[in-house]
Amino acid sequence: MQHARPLPSYLVQRFHGWRATTYPENKAWYRRLAESGQHPRAMVISCCDSRVHVTSIFGADEGEFFIHRNVANLVPPYNPDGERHGTSAAVEYAVTSLGVTHLVILGHSNCGGVKGCHDMCSGLAPQLEEKTSFVGRWMDILRPGYEAISGLPAGEQVRALEKQAVVVSLENLMTFPFVAEAVADDRLTLHGLWNNTGEGALEQYDPARGFVPV
């Protein structure tokens, strides 16, 4: 692999700092995790956005969450077509192999992927309509959400679409037979959250009331 290069020096320094302080202080814990395997109680699907820090929000330790990140925290509909499906594979593994009891979709404010979807669906980003756009084709998952919010005032649409990304993903999760079965058997509960990153606020989705403060 000729294009792989050494880590930037600041990352090397941070690793050595962690190895010299945090690791020795918690060596037994890390070794226990390594030897006993992972047993997370919850899976969290969040955005790739660097401002979304799931473990910090919930004060989680290593081994507590099975975390999958993708653009705009989306879950596609169940589609066993034999192609490569990273998010679907993560959901399958979490539910059928790890046996997580909670599955959380975590959306957030100022999401670039959602803004791109809004621009694409409203005709402002023709480049995302191209078949060669990975982002555009991924954001097609959220088109039903755009249709649901398109009648709102323009200034409210993007934030509403961020929350639709959570709702659409929850709906799509229930198209997976093993998810629907686990929910029906009370082995799994689904949760929808939206994080206002600037205000440090968290809202949860209630089907009867919409998004309400946690």
N, C-alpha and C. Protein backbone atom coordinates (compact mmCIF):
# COMPACT_ATOMS: atom_id res chain seq x y z
N MET A 1 0.85 -1.18 0.00
CA MET A 1 0.00 0.00 0.00
C MET A 1 0.89 1.23 0.00
N GLN A 2 1.24 1.73 -1.17
CA GLN A 2 2.24 2.78 -1.29
C GLN A 2 1.75 4.14 -0.77
N HIS A 3 0.44 4.33 -0.67
CA HIS A 3 -0.07 5.65 -0.29
C HIS A 3 -0.25 5.82 1.21
N ALA A 4 -0.06 4.74 1.99
CA ALA A 4 -0.19 4.85 3.45
C ALA A 4 1.04 5.54 4.01
N ARG A 5 0.83 6.50 4.89
CA ARG A 5 1.92 7.28 5.48
C ARG A 5 1.87 7.18 7.00
N PRO A 6 2.96 7.52 7.68
CA PRO A 6 2.96 7.50 9.15
C PRO A 6 1.93 8.48 9.73
N LEU A 7 1.47 8.18 10.93
CA LEU A 7 0.51 9.04 11.61
C LEU A 7 1.07 10.44 11.82
N PRO A 8 0.22 11.46 11.81
CA PRO A 8 0.68 12.80 12.19
C PRO A 8 1.26 12.79 13.60
N SER A 9 2.23 13.63 13.84
CA SER A 9 2.93 13.62 15.12
C SER A 9 2.01 13.90 16.30
N TYR A 10 0.99 14.75 16.11
CA TYR A 10 0.12 15.06 17.24
C TYR A 10 -0.68 13.84 17.69
N LEU A 11 -1.04 12.96 16.74
CA LEU A 11 -1.74 11.73 17.11
C LEU A 11 -0.81 10.75 17.80
N VAL A 12 0.42 10.68 17.34
CA VAL A 12 1.41 9.82 17.99
C VAL A 12 1.62 10.27 19.43
N GLN A 13 1.74 11.57 19.63
CA GLN A 13 1.95 12.10 20.98
C GLN A 13 0.76 11.81 21.88
N ARG A 14 -0.45 11.94 21.34
CA ARG A 14 -1.63 11.66 22.14
C ARG A 14 -1.70 10.18 22.52
N PHE A 15 -1.32 9.31 21.57
CA PHE A 15 -1.32 7.88 21.90
C PHE A 15 -0.35 7.58 23.03
N HIS A 16 0.86 8.10 22.93
CA HIS A 16 1.86 7.83 23.97
C HIS A 16 1.41 8.40 25.31
N GLY A 17 0.70 9.54 25.28
CA GLY A 17 0.18 10.08 26.53
C GLY A 17 -0.86 9.16 27.14
N TRP A 18 -1.75 8.64 26.29
CA TRP A 18 -2.77 7.69 26.77
C TRP A 18 -2.12 6.41 27.29
N ARG A 19 -1.12 5.92 26.56
CA ARG A 19 -0.44 4.66 26.93
C ARG A 19 0.32 4.79 28.24
N ALA A 20 0.76 6.01 28.54
CA ALA A 20 1.54 6.23 29.75
C ALA A 20 0.69 6.56 30.97
N THR A 21 -0.56 6.97 30.76
CA THR A 21 -1.39 7.39 31.89
C THR A 21 -2.68 6.58 32.00
N THR A 22 -3.58 6.76 31.07
CA THR A 22 -4.91 6.13 31.16
C THR A 22 -4.82 4.60 31.15
N TYR A 23 -4.00 4.05 30.25
CA TYR A 23 -3.94 2.59 30.15
C TYR A 23 -3.40 1.94 31.43
N PRO A 24 -2.25 2.39 31.97
CA PRO A 24 -1.76 1.74 33.20
C PRO A 24 -2.74 1.83 34.37
N GLU A 25 -3.48 2.95 34.43
CA GLU A 25 -4.42 3.12 35.53
C GLU A 25 -5.64 2.21 35.39
N ASN A 26 -5.89 1.72 34.19
CA ASN A 26 -7.07 0.89 33.94
C ASN A 26 -6.70 -0.42 33.24
N LYS A 27 -5.49 -0.88 33.45
CA LYS A 27 -5.00 -2.06 32.74
C LYS A 27 -5.89 -3.28 32.96
N ALA A 28 -6.30 -3.52 34.18
CA ALA A 28 -7.12 -4.70 34.46
C ALA A 28 -8.44 -4.64 33.69
N TRP A 29 -9.02 -3.44 33.60
CA TRP A 29 -10.29 -3.27 32.89
C TRP A 29 -10.12 -3.55 31.41
N TYR A 30 -9.07 -3.01 30.80
CA TYR A 30 -8.83 -3.24 29.37
C TYR A 30 -8.57 -4.71 29.09
N ARG A 31 -7.84 -5.38 29.95
CA ARG A 31 -7.55 -6.80 29.74
C ARG A 31 -8.80 -7.65 29.91
N ARG A 32 -9.65 -7.25 30.85
CA ARG A 32 -10.91 -7.97 31.02
C ARG A 32 -11.77 -7.84 29.78
N LEU A 33 -11.84 -6.61 29.21
CA LEU A 33 -12.60 -6.41 27.99
C LEU A 33 -12.06 -7.27 26.85
N ALA A 34 -10.75 -7.32 26.74
CA ALA A 34 -10.12 -8.08 25.65
C ALA A 34 -10.37 -9.58 25.78
N GLU A 35 -10.35 -10.08 27.00
CA GLU A 35 -10.46 -11.52 27.21
C GLU A 35 -11.91 -12.01 27.24
N SER A 36 -12.83 -11.19 27.74
CA SER A 36 -14.21 -11.65 27.90
C SER A 36 -15.09 -11.31 26.71
N GLY A 37 -14.57 -10.52 25.76
CA GLY A 37 -15.37 -10.13 24.61
C GLY A 37 -16.29 -8.96 24.94
N GLN A 38 -16.99 -8.48 23.93
CA GLN A 38 -17.87 -7.33 24.16
C GLN A 38 -19.30 -7.78 24.47
N HIS A 39 -19.91 -7.07 25.40
CA HIS A 39 -21.29 -7.38 25.80
C HIS A 39 -22.05 -6.06 25.97
N PRO A 40 -22.14 -5.26 24.93
CA PRO A 40 -22.84 -3.97 25.06
C PRO A 40 -24.34 -4.16 25.22
N ARG A 41 -24.93 -3.30 26.02
CA ARG A 41 -26.38 -3.37 26.19
C ARG A 41 -27.11 -2.59 25.10
N ALA A 42 -26.41 -1.65 24.47
CA ALA A 42 -27.07 -0.78 23.50
C ALA A 42 -26.22 -0.61 22.25
N MET A 43 -26.92 -0.46 21.12
CA MET A 43 -26.29 -0.03 19.88
C MET A 43 -26.73 1.40 19.63
N VAL A 44 -25.78 2.25 19.21
CA VAL A 44 -26.10 3.62 18.86
C VAL A 44 -25.68 3.86 17.41
N ILE A 45 -26.62 4.33 16.60
CA ILE A 45 -26.32 4.73 15.23
C ILE A 45 -26.32 6.25 15.19
N SER A 46 -25.15 6.81 14.95
CA SER A 46 -25.01 8.27 14.97
C SER A 46 -24.34 8.74 13.70
N CYS A 47 -24.24 10.05 13.56
CA CYS A 47 -23.66 10.64 12.36
C CYS A 47 -22.13 10.62 12.43
N CYS A 48 -21.51 10.65 11.26
CA CYS A 48 -20.05 10.74 11.19
C CYS A 48 -19.52 12.09 11.66
N ASP A 49 -20.39 13.07 11.76
CA ASP A 49 -20.00 14.43 12.13
C ASP A 49 -19.09 14.41 13.36
N SER A 50 -17.95 15.08 13.26
CA SER A 50 -16.96 15.05 14.34
C SER A 50 -17.44 15.73 15.61
N ARG A 51 -18.51 16.51 15.51
CA ARG A 51 -19.04 17.20 16.69
C ARG A 51 -19.95 16.32 17.54
N VAL A 52 -20.33 15.17 17.00
CA VAL A 52 -21.21 14.25 17.73
C VAL A 52 -20.34 13.23 18.46
N HIS A 53 -20.36 13.28 19.79
CA HIS A 53 -19.48 12.43 20.60
C HIS A 53 -20.36 11.61 21.54
N VAL A 54 -20.78 10.45 21.06
CA VAL A 54 -21.76 9.64 21.77
C VAL A 54 -21.31 9.27 23.17
N THR A 55 -20.08 8.82 23.32
CA THR A 55 -19.62 8.37 24.64
C THR A 55 -19.56 9.52 25.63
N SER A 56 -19.24 10.73 25.14
CA SER A 56 -19.20 11.88 26.05
C SER A 56 -20.60 12.27 26.50
N ILE A 57 -21.56 12.27 25.57
CA ILE A 57 -22.93 12.66 25.91
C ILE A 57 -23.49 11.79 27.03
N PHE A 58 -23.20 10.49 26.98
CA PHE A 58 -23.77 9.57 27.95
C PHE A 58 -22.77 9.11 29.01
N GLY A 59 -21.57 9.68 29.00
CA GLY A 59 -20.57 9.28 29.98
C GLY A 59 -20.24 7.81 29.93
N ALA A 60 -20.15 7.26 28.73
CA ALA A 60 -19.99 5.81 28.57
C ALA A 60 -18.53 5.38 28.60
N ASP A 61 -18.30 4.19 29.10
CA ASP A 61 -16.97 3.58 29.11
C ASP A 61 -16.81 2.65 27.93
N GLU A 62 -15.58 2.19 27.72
CA GLU A 62 -15.31 1.20 26.69
C GLU A 62 -16.15 -0.05 26.96
N GLY A 63 -16.68 -0.63 25.90
CA GLY A 63 -17.45 -1.86 26.03
C GLY A 63 -18.92 -1.65 26.31
N GLU A 64 -19.35 -0.40 26.52
CA GLU A 64 -20.74 -0.15 26.90
C GLU A 64 -21.66 0.00 25.69
N PHE A 65 -21.18 0.65 24.62
CA PHE A 65 -21.98 0.89 23.43
C PHE A 65 -21.36 0.21 22.21
N PHE A 66 -22.22 -0.35 21.37
CA PHE A 66 -21.81 -0.78 20.04
C PHE A 66 -22.21 0.36 19.12
N ILE A 67 -21.24 1.09 18.59
CA ILE A 67 -21.51 2.33 17.88
C ILE A 67 -21.24 2.17 16.39
N HIS A 68 -22.22 2.59 15.59
CA HIS A 68 -22.06 2.63 14.14
C HIS A 68 -22.32 4.05 13.69
N ARG A 69 -21.41 4.60 12.89
CA ARG A 69 -21.56 5.97 12.41
C ARG A 69 -21.64 5.98 10.90
N ASN A 70 -22.54 6.79 10.38
CA ASN A 70 -22.61 6.99 8.94
C ASN A 70 -23.11 8.40 8.66
N VAL A 71 -23.17 8.79 7.41
CA VAL A 71 -23.63 10.13 7.06
C VAL A 71 -25.11 10.29 7.41
N ALA A 72 -25.38 11.23 8.31
CA ALA A 72 -26.75 11.59 8.71
C ALA A 72 -27.48 10.52 9.50
N ASN A 73 -26.72 9.62 10.14
CA ASN A 73 -27.30 8.61 11.05
C ASN A 73 -28.52 7.90 10.45
N LEU A 74 -28.39 7.47 9.19
CA LEU A 74 -29.52 6.85 8.51
C LEU A 74 -29.46 5.32 8.53
N VAL A 75 -30.62 4.71 8.55
CA VAL A 75 -30.76 3.27 8.36
C VAL A 75 -31.56 3.06 7.08
N PRO A 76 -31.02 2.32 6.13
CA PRO A 76 -31.79 2.06 4.89
C PRO A 76 -32.85 1.00 5.14
N PRO A 77 -33.82 0.88 4.26
CA PRO A 77 -34.79 -0.21 4.39
C PRO A 77 -34.10 -1.56 4.20
N TYR A 78 -34.71 -2.60 4.73
CA TYR A 78 -34.22 -3.97 4.56
C TYR A 78 -34.18 -4.31 3.08
N ASN A 79 -33.02 -4.75 2.60
CA ASN A 79 -32.86 -5.03 1.18
C ASN A 79 -31.79 -6.11 0.98
N PRO A 80 -32.15 -7.38 1.18
CA PRO A 80 -31.18 -8.47 1.07
C PRO A 80 -30.87 -8.84 -0.38
N ASP A 81 -30.17 -7.94 -1.07
CA ASP A 81 -29.92 -8.13 -2.50
C ASP A 81 -28.53 -8.70 -2.80
N GLY A 82 -27.81 -9.08 -1.76
CA GLY A 82 -26.49 -9.67 -1.96
C GLY A 82 -25.38 -8.65 -2.17
N GLU A 83 -25.72 -7.35 -2.10
CA GLU A 83 -24.69 -6.31 -2.24
C GLU A 83 -24.12 -5.95 -0.88
N ARG A 84 -23.21 -4.98 -0.86
CA ARG A 84 -22.54 -4.58 0.38
C ARG A 84 -23.39 -3.54 1.11
N HIS A 85 -23.72 -3.84 2.35
CA HIS A 85 -24.56 -2.94 3.15
C HIS A 85 -23.95 -2.81 4.54
N GLY A 86 -23.13 -1.79 4.74
CA GLY A 86 -22.42 -1.64 6.01
C GLY A 86 -23.34 -1.41 7.20
N THR A 87 -24.30 -0.50 7.06
CA THR A 87 -25.19 -0.21 8.17
C THR A 87 -26.08 -1.40 8.49
N SER A 88 -26.62 -2.03 7.46
CA SER A 88 -27.46 -3.21 7.68
C SER A 88 -26.68 -4.34 8.34
N ALA A 89 -25.42 -4.49 7.95
CA ALA A 89 -24.57 -5.52 8.56
C ALA A 89 -24.35 -5.23 10.04
N ALA A 90 -24.13 -3.96 10.37
CA ALA A 90 -23.91 -3.59 11.78
C ALA A 90 -25.17 -3.86 12.60
N VAL A 91 -26.34 -3.53 12.04
CA VAL A 91 -27.60 -3.78 12.75
C VAL A 91 -27.80 -5.28 12.94
N GLU A 92 -27.56 -6.05 11.90
CA GLU A 92 -27.71 -7.50 11.99
C GLU A 92 -26.81 -8.09 13.08
N TYR A 93 -25.56 -7.65 13.11
CA TYR A 93 -24.62 -8.19 14.09
C TYR A 93 -25.02 -7.80 15.51
N ALA A 94 -25.43 -6.55 15.68
CA ALA A 94 -25.80 -6.08 17.01
C ALA A 94 -27.00 -6.82 17.56
N VAL A 95 -27.99 -7.05 16.70
CA VAL A 95 -29.24 -7.65 17.17
C VAL A 95 -29.15 -9.16 17.27
N THR A 96 -28.57 -9.80 16.25
CA THR A 96 -28.60 -11.27 16.22
C THR A 96 -27.40 -11.92 16.90
N SER A 97 -26.27 -11.25 16.96
CA SER A 97 -25.08 -11.85 17.58
C SER A 97 -24.79 -11.28 18.97
N LEU A 98 -24.82 -9.96 19.09
CA LEU A 98 -24.54 -9.34 20.39
C LEU A 98 -25.76 -9.32 21.29
N GLY A 99 -26.94 -9.37 20.71
CA GLY A 99 -28.16 -9.37 21.51
C GLY A 99 -28.37 -8.07 22.29
N VAL A 100 -28.09 -6.94 21.68
CA VAL A 100 -28.32 -5.67 22.37
C VAL A 100 -29.79 -5.53 22.73
N THR A 101 -30.06 -4.86 23.83
CA THR A 101 -31.44 -4.70 24.27
C THR A 101 -32.02 -3.33 23.92
N HIS A 102 -31.15 -2.41 23.51
CA HIS A 102 -31.60 -1.08 23.10
C HIS A 102 -30.90 -0.70 21.79
N LEU A 103 -31.64 -0.08 20.88
CA LEU A 103 -31.06 0.40 19.64
C LEU A 103 -31.47 1.87 19.48
N VAL A 104 -30.47 2.74 19.48
CA VAL A 104 -30.70 4.18 19.52
C VAL A 104 -30.27 4.82 18.21
N ILE A 105 -31.16 5.61 17.62
CA ILE A 105 -30.80 6.47 16.49
C ILE A 105 -30.58 7.87 17.05
N LEU A 106 -29.38 8.41 16.86
CA LEU A 106 -29.04 9.72 17.40
C LEU A 106 -28.80 10.73 16.28
N GLY A 107 -29.76 11.62 16.08
CA GLY A 107 -29.59 12.70 15.12
C GLY A 107 -29.00 13.93 15.80
N HIS A 108 -28.72 14.97 15.03
CA HIS A 108 -28.11 16.16 15.64
C HIS A 108 -28.37 17.40 14.81
N SER A 109 -28.12 18.55 15.42
CA SER A 109 -28.32 19.85 14.78
C SER A 109 -27.19 20.13 13.79
N ASN A 110 -27.48 20.99 12.81
CA ASN A 110 -26.48 21.44 11.83
C ASN A 110 -25.82 20.28 11.09
N CYS A 111 -26.62 19.28 10.75
CA CYS A 111 -26.10 18.10 10.06
C CYS A 111 -25.87 18.41 8.58
N GLY A 112 -24.63 18.28 8.13
CA GLY A 112 -24.31 18.57 6.74
C GLY A 112 -24.97 17.62 5.76
N GLY A 113 -25.09 16.36 6.14
CA GLY A 113 -25.73 15.39 5.26
C GLY A 113 -27.19 15.71 5.05
N VAL A 114 -27.88 16.06 6.13
CA VAL A 114 -29.30 16.42 6.03
C VAL A 114 -29.46 17.69 5.21
N LYS A 115 -28.58 18.67 5.42
CA LYS A 115 -28.65 19.90 4.64
C LYS A 115 -28.46 19.58 3.16
N GLY A 116 -27.53 18.65 2.85
CA GLY A 116 -27.32 18.24 1.47
C GLY A 116 -28.56 17.59 0.88
N CYS A 117 -29.24 16.77 1.67
CA CYS A 117 -30.47 16.13 1.21
C CYS A 117 -31.53 17.19 0.92
N HIS A 118 -31.64 18.17 1.81
CA HIS A 118 -32.63 19.24 1.61
C HIS A 118 -32.32 20.01 0.33
N ASP A 119 -31.05 20.34 0.12
CA ASP A 119 -30.66 21.06 -1.09
C ASP A 119 -30.94 20.23 -2.34
N MET A 120 -30.61 18.95 -2.27
CA MET A 120 -30.82 18.06 -3.42
C MET A 120 -32.31 17.96 -3.75
N CYS A 121 -33.13 17.72 -2.73
CA CYS A 121 -34.55 17.52 -2.98
C CYS A 121 -35.26 18.79 -3.41
N SER A 122 -34.69 19.93 -3.04
CA SER A 122 -35.31 21.21 -3.42
C SER A 122 -34.69 21.79 -4.68
N GLY A 123 -33.82 21.02 -5.35
CA GLY A 123 -33.26 21.44 -6.63
C GLY A 123 -32.06 22.35 -6.57
N LEU A 124 -31.46 22.49 -5.39
CA LEU A 124 -30.32 23.40 -5.22
C LEU A 124 -28.96 22.71 -5.30
N ALA A 125 -28.95 21.39 -5.42
CA ALA A 125 -27.68 20.65 -5.46
C ALA A 125 -27.76 19.59 -6.55
N PRO A 126 -27.76 19.98 -7.83
CA PRO A 126 -27.88 19.00 -8.91
C PRO A 126 -26.74 17.98 -8.93
N GLN A 127 -25.58 18.36 -8.39
CA GLN A 127 -24.46 17.42 -8.38
C GLN A 127 -24.77 16.19 -7.53
N LEU A 128 -25.64 16.35 -6.53
CA LEU A 128 -26.00 15.21 -5.70
C LEU A 128 -27.00 14.29 -6.38
N GLU A 129 -27.61 14.76 -7.44
CA GLU A 129 -28.54 13.93 -8.20
C GLU A 129 -27.81 12.95 -9.12
N GLU A 130 -26.52 13.18 -9.35
CA GLU A 130 -25.76 12.31 -10.24
C GLU A 130 -25.66 10.90 -9.67
N LYS A 131 -25.74 9.91 -10.54
CA LYS A 131 -25.63 8.52 -10.09
C LYS A 131 -24.28 8.23 -9.45
N THR A 132 -23.27 9.02 -9.81
CA THR A 132 -21.92 8.82 -9.28
C THR A 132 -21.72 9.43 -7.90
N SER A 133 -22.72 10.13 -7.37
CA SER A 133 -22.58 10.76 -6.05
C SER A 133 -22.94 9.77 -4.95
N PHE A 134 -21.94 9.35 -4.21
CA PHE A 134 -22.20 8.44 -3.09
C PHE A 134 -23.08 9.10 -2.04
N VAL A 135 -22.80 10.38 -1.76
CA VAL A 135 -23.60 11.10 -0.77
C VAL A 135 -25.05 11.21 -1.23
N GLY A 136 -25.25 11.60 -2.49
CA GLY A 136 -26.60 11.75 -3.00
C GLY A 136 -27.41 10.48 -2.95
N ARG A 137 -26.78 9.36 -3.36
CA ARG A 137 -27.52 8.11 -3.38
C ARG A 137 -27.81 7.63 -1.94
N TRP A 138 -26.92 7.92 -1.04
CA TRP A 138 -27.17 7.57 0.36
C TRP A 138 -28.31 8.42 0.92
N MET A 139 -28.31 9.70 0.58
CA MET A 139 -29.33 10.59 1.11
C MET A 139 -30.70 10.36 0.47
N ASP A 140 -30.76 9.56 -0.60
CA ASP A 140 -32.07 9.17 -1.14
C ASP A 140 -32.93 8.49 -0.07
N ILE A 141 -32.27 7.87 0.91
CA ILE A 141 -33.00 7.21 2.00
C ILE A 141 -33.93 8.20 2.69
N LEU A 142 -33.52 9.47 2.71
CA LEU A 142 -34.27 10.48 3.46
C LEU A 142 -35.30 11.24 2.62
N ARG A 143 -35.44 10.89 1.35
CA ARG A 143 -36.42 11.59 0.52
C ARG A 143 -37.84 11.54 1.10
N PRO A 144 -38.30 10.42 1.66
CA PRO A 144 -39.64 10.43 2.27
C PRO A 144 -39.75 11.45 3.40
N GLY A 145 -38.66 11.67 4.11
CA GLY A 145 -38.66 12.67 5.17
C GLY A 145 -38.79 14.07 4.62
N TYR A 146 -38.15 14.33 3.48
CA TYR A 146 -38.27 15.64 2.85
C TYR A 146 -39.71 15.90 2.43
N GLU A 147 -40.34 14.89 1.89
CA GLU A 147 -41.74 15.05 1.47
C GLU A 147 -42.63 15.38 2.67
N ALA A 148 -42.27 14.87 3.84
CA ALA A 148 -43.08 15.11 5.03
C ALA A 148 -42.93 16.53 5.56
N ILE A 149 -41.80 17.19 5.28
CA ILE A 149 -41.57 18.53 5.86
C ILE A 149 -41.61 19.63 4.81
N SER A 150 -41.84 19.29 3.55
CA SER A 150 -41.73 20.28 2.48
C SER A 150 -42.77 21.40 2.57
N GLY A 151 -43.84 21.18 3.32
CA GLY A 151 -44.86 22.20 3.46
C GLY A 151 -44.61 23.19 4.58
N LEU A 152 -43.55 22.96 5.36
CA LEU A 152 -43.24 23.86 6.47
C LEU A 152 -42.61 25.15 5.96
N PRO A 153 -42.61 26.22 6.76
CA PRO A 153 -41.88 27.44 6.38
C PRO A 153 -40.42 27.11 6.10
N ALA A 154 -39.83 27.80 5.14
CA ALA A 154 -38.48 27.48 4.68
C ALA A 154 -37.47 27.45 5.82
N GLY A 155 -37.59 28.36 6.76
CA GLY A 155 -36.62 28.44 7.85
C GLY A 155 -36.70 27.30 8.84
N GLU A 156 -37.76 26.52 8.78
CA GLU A 156 -37.94 25.42 9.72
C GLU A 156 -37.63 24.06 9.10
N GLN A 157 -37.44 24.02 7.80
CA GLN A 157 -37.39 22.74 7.11
C GLN A 157 -36.16 21.90 7.44
N VAL A 158 -34.98 22.51 7.48
CA VAL A 158 -33.78 21.71 7.68
C VAL A 158 -33.77 21.05 9.05
N ARG A 159 -34.11 21.82 10.09
CA ARG A 159 -34.14 21.23 11.43
C ARG A 159 -35.20 20.13 11.50
N ALA A 160 -36.34 20.36 10.89
CA ALA A 160 -37.38 19.33 10.87
C ALA A 160 -36.89 18.09 10.13
N LEU A 161 -36.11 18.29 9.08
CA LEU A 161 -35.59 17.15 8.32
C LEU A 161 -34.55 16.38 9.12
N GLU A 162 -33.77 17.08 9.96
CA GLU A 162 -32.83 16.39 10.85
C GLU A 162 -33.57 15.41 11.75
N LYS A 163 -34.73 15.81 12.22
CA LYS A 163 -35.53 14.94 13.08
C LYS A 163 -36.22 13.84 12.26
N GLN A 164 -36.57 14.17 11.01
CA GLN A 164 -37.11 13.14 10.13
C GLN A 164 -36.09 12.05 9.84
N ALA A 165 -34.81 12.40 9.83
CA ALA A 165 -33.76 11.39 9.63
C ALA A 165 -33.82 10.33 10.72
N VAL A 166 -34.20 10.74 11.92
CA VAL A 166 -34.35 9.80 13.03
C VAL A 166 -35.62 8.97 12.84
N VAL A 167 -36.71 9.62 12.49
CA VAL A 167 -38.00 8.93 12.34
C VAL A 167 -37.95 7.93 11.18
N VAL A 168 -37.42 8.37 10.04
CA VAL A 168 -37.31 7.47 8.88
C VAL A 168 -36.45 6.26 9.22
N SER A 169 -35.37 6.48 9.95
CA SER A 169 -34.49 5.36 10.31
C SER A 169 -35.19 4.39 11.25
N LEU A 170 -35.96 4.91 12.19
CA LEU A 170 -36.73 4.03 13.08
C LEU A 170 -37.73 3.20 12.28
N GLU A 171 -38.40 3.84 11.33
CA GLU A 171 -39.36 3.11 10.49
C GLU A 171 -38.65 2.05 9.66
N ASN A 172 -37.49 2.39 9.11
CA ASN A 172 -36.75 1.43 8.29
C ASN A 172 -36.23 0.26 9.12
N LEU A 173 -35.87 0.52 10.36
CA LEU A 173 -35.41 -0.58 11.23
C LEU A 173 -36.47 -1.67 11.35
N MET A 174 -37.72 -1.26 11.40
CA MET A 174 -38.79 -2.24 11.57
C MET A 174 -39.06 -3.05 10.32
N THR A 175 -38.40 -2.73 9.20
CA THR A 175 -38.52 -3.56 8.00
C THR A 175 -37.56 -4.74 8.05
N PHE A 176 -36.62 -4.73 9.00
CA PHE A 176 -35.71 -5.87 9.17
C PHE A 176 -36.42 -6.94 9.98
N PRO A 177 -36.63 -8.13 9.44
CA PRO A 177 -37.39 -9.16 10.17
C PRO A 177 -36.84 -9.47 11.54
N PHE A 178 -35.51 -9.54 11.68
CA PHE A 178 -34.94 -9.89 12.98
C PHE A 178 -35.09 -8.75 13.98
N VAL A 179 -35.18 -7.50 13.51
CA VAL A 179 -35.45 -6.38 14.41
C VAL A 179 -36.91 -6.42 14.85
N ALA A 180 -37.82 -6.56 13.89
CA ALA A 180 -39.25 -6.61 14.20
C ALA A 180 -39.57 -7.75 15.16
N GLU A 181 -38.93 -8.89 14.96
CA GLU A 181 -39.17 -10.05 15.84
C GLU A 181 -38.68 -9.77 17.25
N ALA A 182 -37.48 -9.18 17.36
CA ALA A 182 -36.93 -8.89 18.68
C ALA A 182 -37.76 -7.84 19.41
N VAL A 183 -38.28 -6.86 18.68
CA VAL A 183 -39.15 -5.85 19.29
C VAL A 183 -40.45 -6.50 19.76
N ALA A 184 -41.02 -7.34 18.93
CA ALA A 184 -42.28 -8.00 19.28
C ALA A 184 -42.12 -8.90 20.51
N ASP A 185 -40.94 -9.49 20.66
CA ASP A 185 -40.68 -10.39 21.78
C ASP A 185 -40.17 -9.66 23.02
N ASP A 186 -40.13 -8.33 22.97
CA ASP A 186 -39.63 -7.52 24.09
C ASP A 186 -38.17 -7.81 24.42
N ARG A 187 -37.42 -8.22 23.42
CA ARG A 187 -35.98 -8.41 23.60
C ARG A 187 -35.20 -7.17 23.17
N LEU A 188 -35.88 -6.24 22.47
CA LEU A 188 -35.22 -5.06 21.92
C LEU A 188 -36.19 -3.88 21.95
N THR A 189 -35.67 -2.73 22.34
CA THR A 189 -36.46 -1.49 22.26
C THR A 189 -35.71 -0.50 21.39
N LEU A 190 -36.49 0.25 20.60
CA LEU A 190 -35.92 1.26 19.70
C LEU A 190 -36.13 2.64 20.30
N HIS A 191 -35.13 3.52 20.08
CA HIS A 191 -35.18 4.86 20.65
C HIS A 191 -34.69 5.85 19.60
N GLY A 192 -35.35 7.01 19.53
CA GLY A 192 -34.93 8.07 18.63
C GLY A 192 -34.56 9.31 19.42
N LEU A 193 -33.38 9.85 19.15
CA LEU A 193 -32.89 11.03 19.86
C LEU A 193 -32.40 12.07 18.87
N TRP A 194 -32.47 13.33 19.28
CA TRP A 194 -31.89 14.43 18.50
C TRP A 194 -31.12 15.32 19.45
N ASN A 195 -29.85 15.56 19.13
CA ASN A 195 -28.95 16.33 19.98
C ASN A 195 -28.69 17.72 19.40
N ASN A 196 -28.97 18.76 20.18
CA ASN A 196 -28.60 20.11 19.80
C ASN A 196 -27.17 20.31 20.28
N THR A 197 -26.22 20.21 19.38
CA THR A 197 -24.81 20.21 19.78
C THR A 197 -24.38 21.53 20.40
N GLY A 198 -24.93 22.65 19.92
CA GLY A 198 -24.53 23.94 20.45
C GLY A 198 -25.09 24.23 21.82
N GLU A 199 -26.30 23.74 22.08
CA GLU A 199 -26.97 24.01 23.35
C GLU A 199 -26.79 22.89 24.37
N GLY A 200 -26.21 21.77 23.95
CA GLY A 200 -26.05 20.65 24.87
C GLY A 200 -27.38 20.03 25.27
N ALA A 201 -28.37 20.13 24.39
CA ALA A 201 -29.71 19.61 24.70
C ALA A 201 -29.96 18.29 23.98
N LEU A 202 -30.85 17.50 24.54
CA LEU A 202 -31.19 16.20 23.96
C LEU A 202 -32.71 16.05 23.97
N GLU A 203 -33.26 15.65 22.82
CA GLU A 203 -34.69 15.41 22.71
C GLU A 203 -34.91 13.96 22.29
N GLN A 204 -36.01 13.37 22.77
CA GLN A 204 -36.34 12.00 22.40
C GLN A 204 -37.67 11.96 21.66
N TYR A 205 -37.76 11.00 20.76
CA TYR A 205 -38.95 10.89 19.92
C TYR A 205 -40.04 10.11 20.62
N ASP A 206 -41.21 10.73 20.69
CA ASP A 206 -42.41 10.10 21.20
C ASP A 206 -43.40 10.07 20.04
N PRO A 207 -43.84 8.89 19.59
CA PRO A 207 -44.75 8.83 18.43
C PRO A 207 -46.01 9.66 18.61
N ALA A 208 -46.43 9.86 19.84
CA ALA A 208 -47.67 10.61 20.08
C ALA A 208 -47.43 12.12 20.16
N ARG A 209 -46.22 12.52 20.58
CA ARG A 209 -45.98 13.95 20.84
C ARG A 209 -44.85 14.53 19.99
N GLY A 210 -44.18 13.71 19.23
CA GLY A 210 -43.02 14.20 18.48
C GLY A 210 -41.79 14.20 19.35
N PHE A 211 -40.89 15.15 19.13
CA PHE A 211 -39.64 15.22 19.91
C PHE A 211 -39.82 16.08 21.14
N VAL A 212 -39.49 15.51 22.29
CA VAL A 212 -39.66 16.21 23.58
C VAL A 212 -38.34 16.16 24.34
N PRO A 213 -38.08 17.15 25.19
CA PRO A 213 -36.81 17.18 25.96
C PRO A 213 -36.63 15.94 26.82
N VAL A 214 -35.39 15.49 26.91
CA VAL A 214 -35.06 14.37 27.80
C VAL A 214 -34.94 14.91 29.22
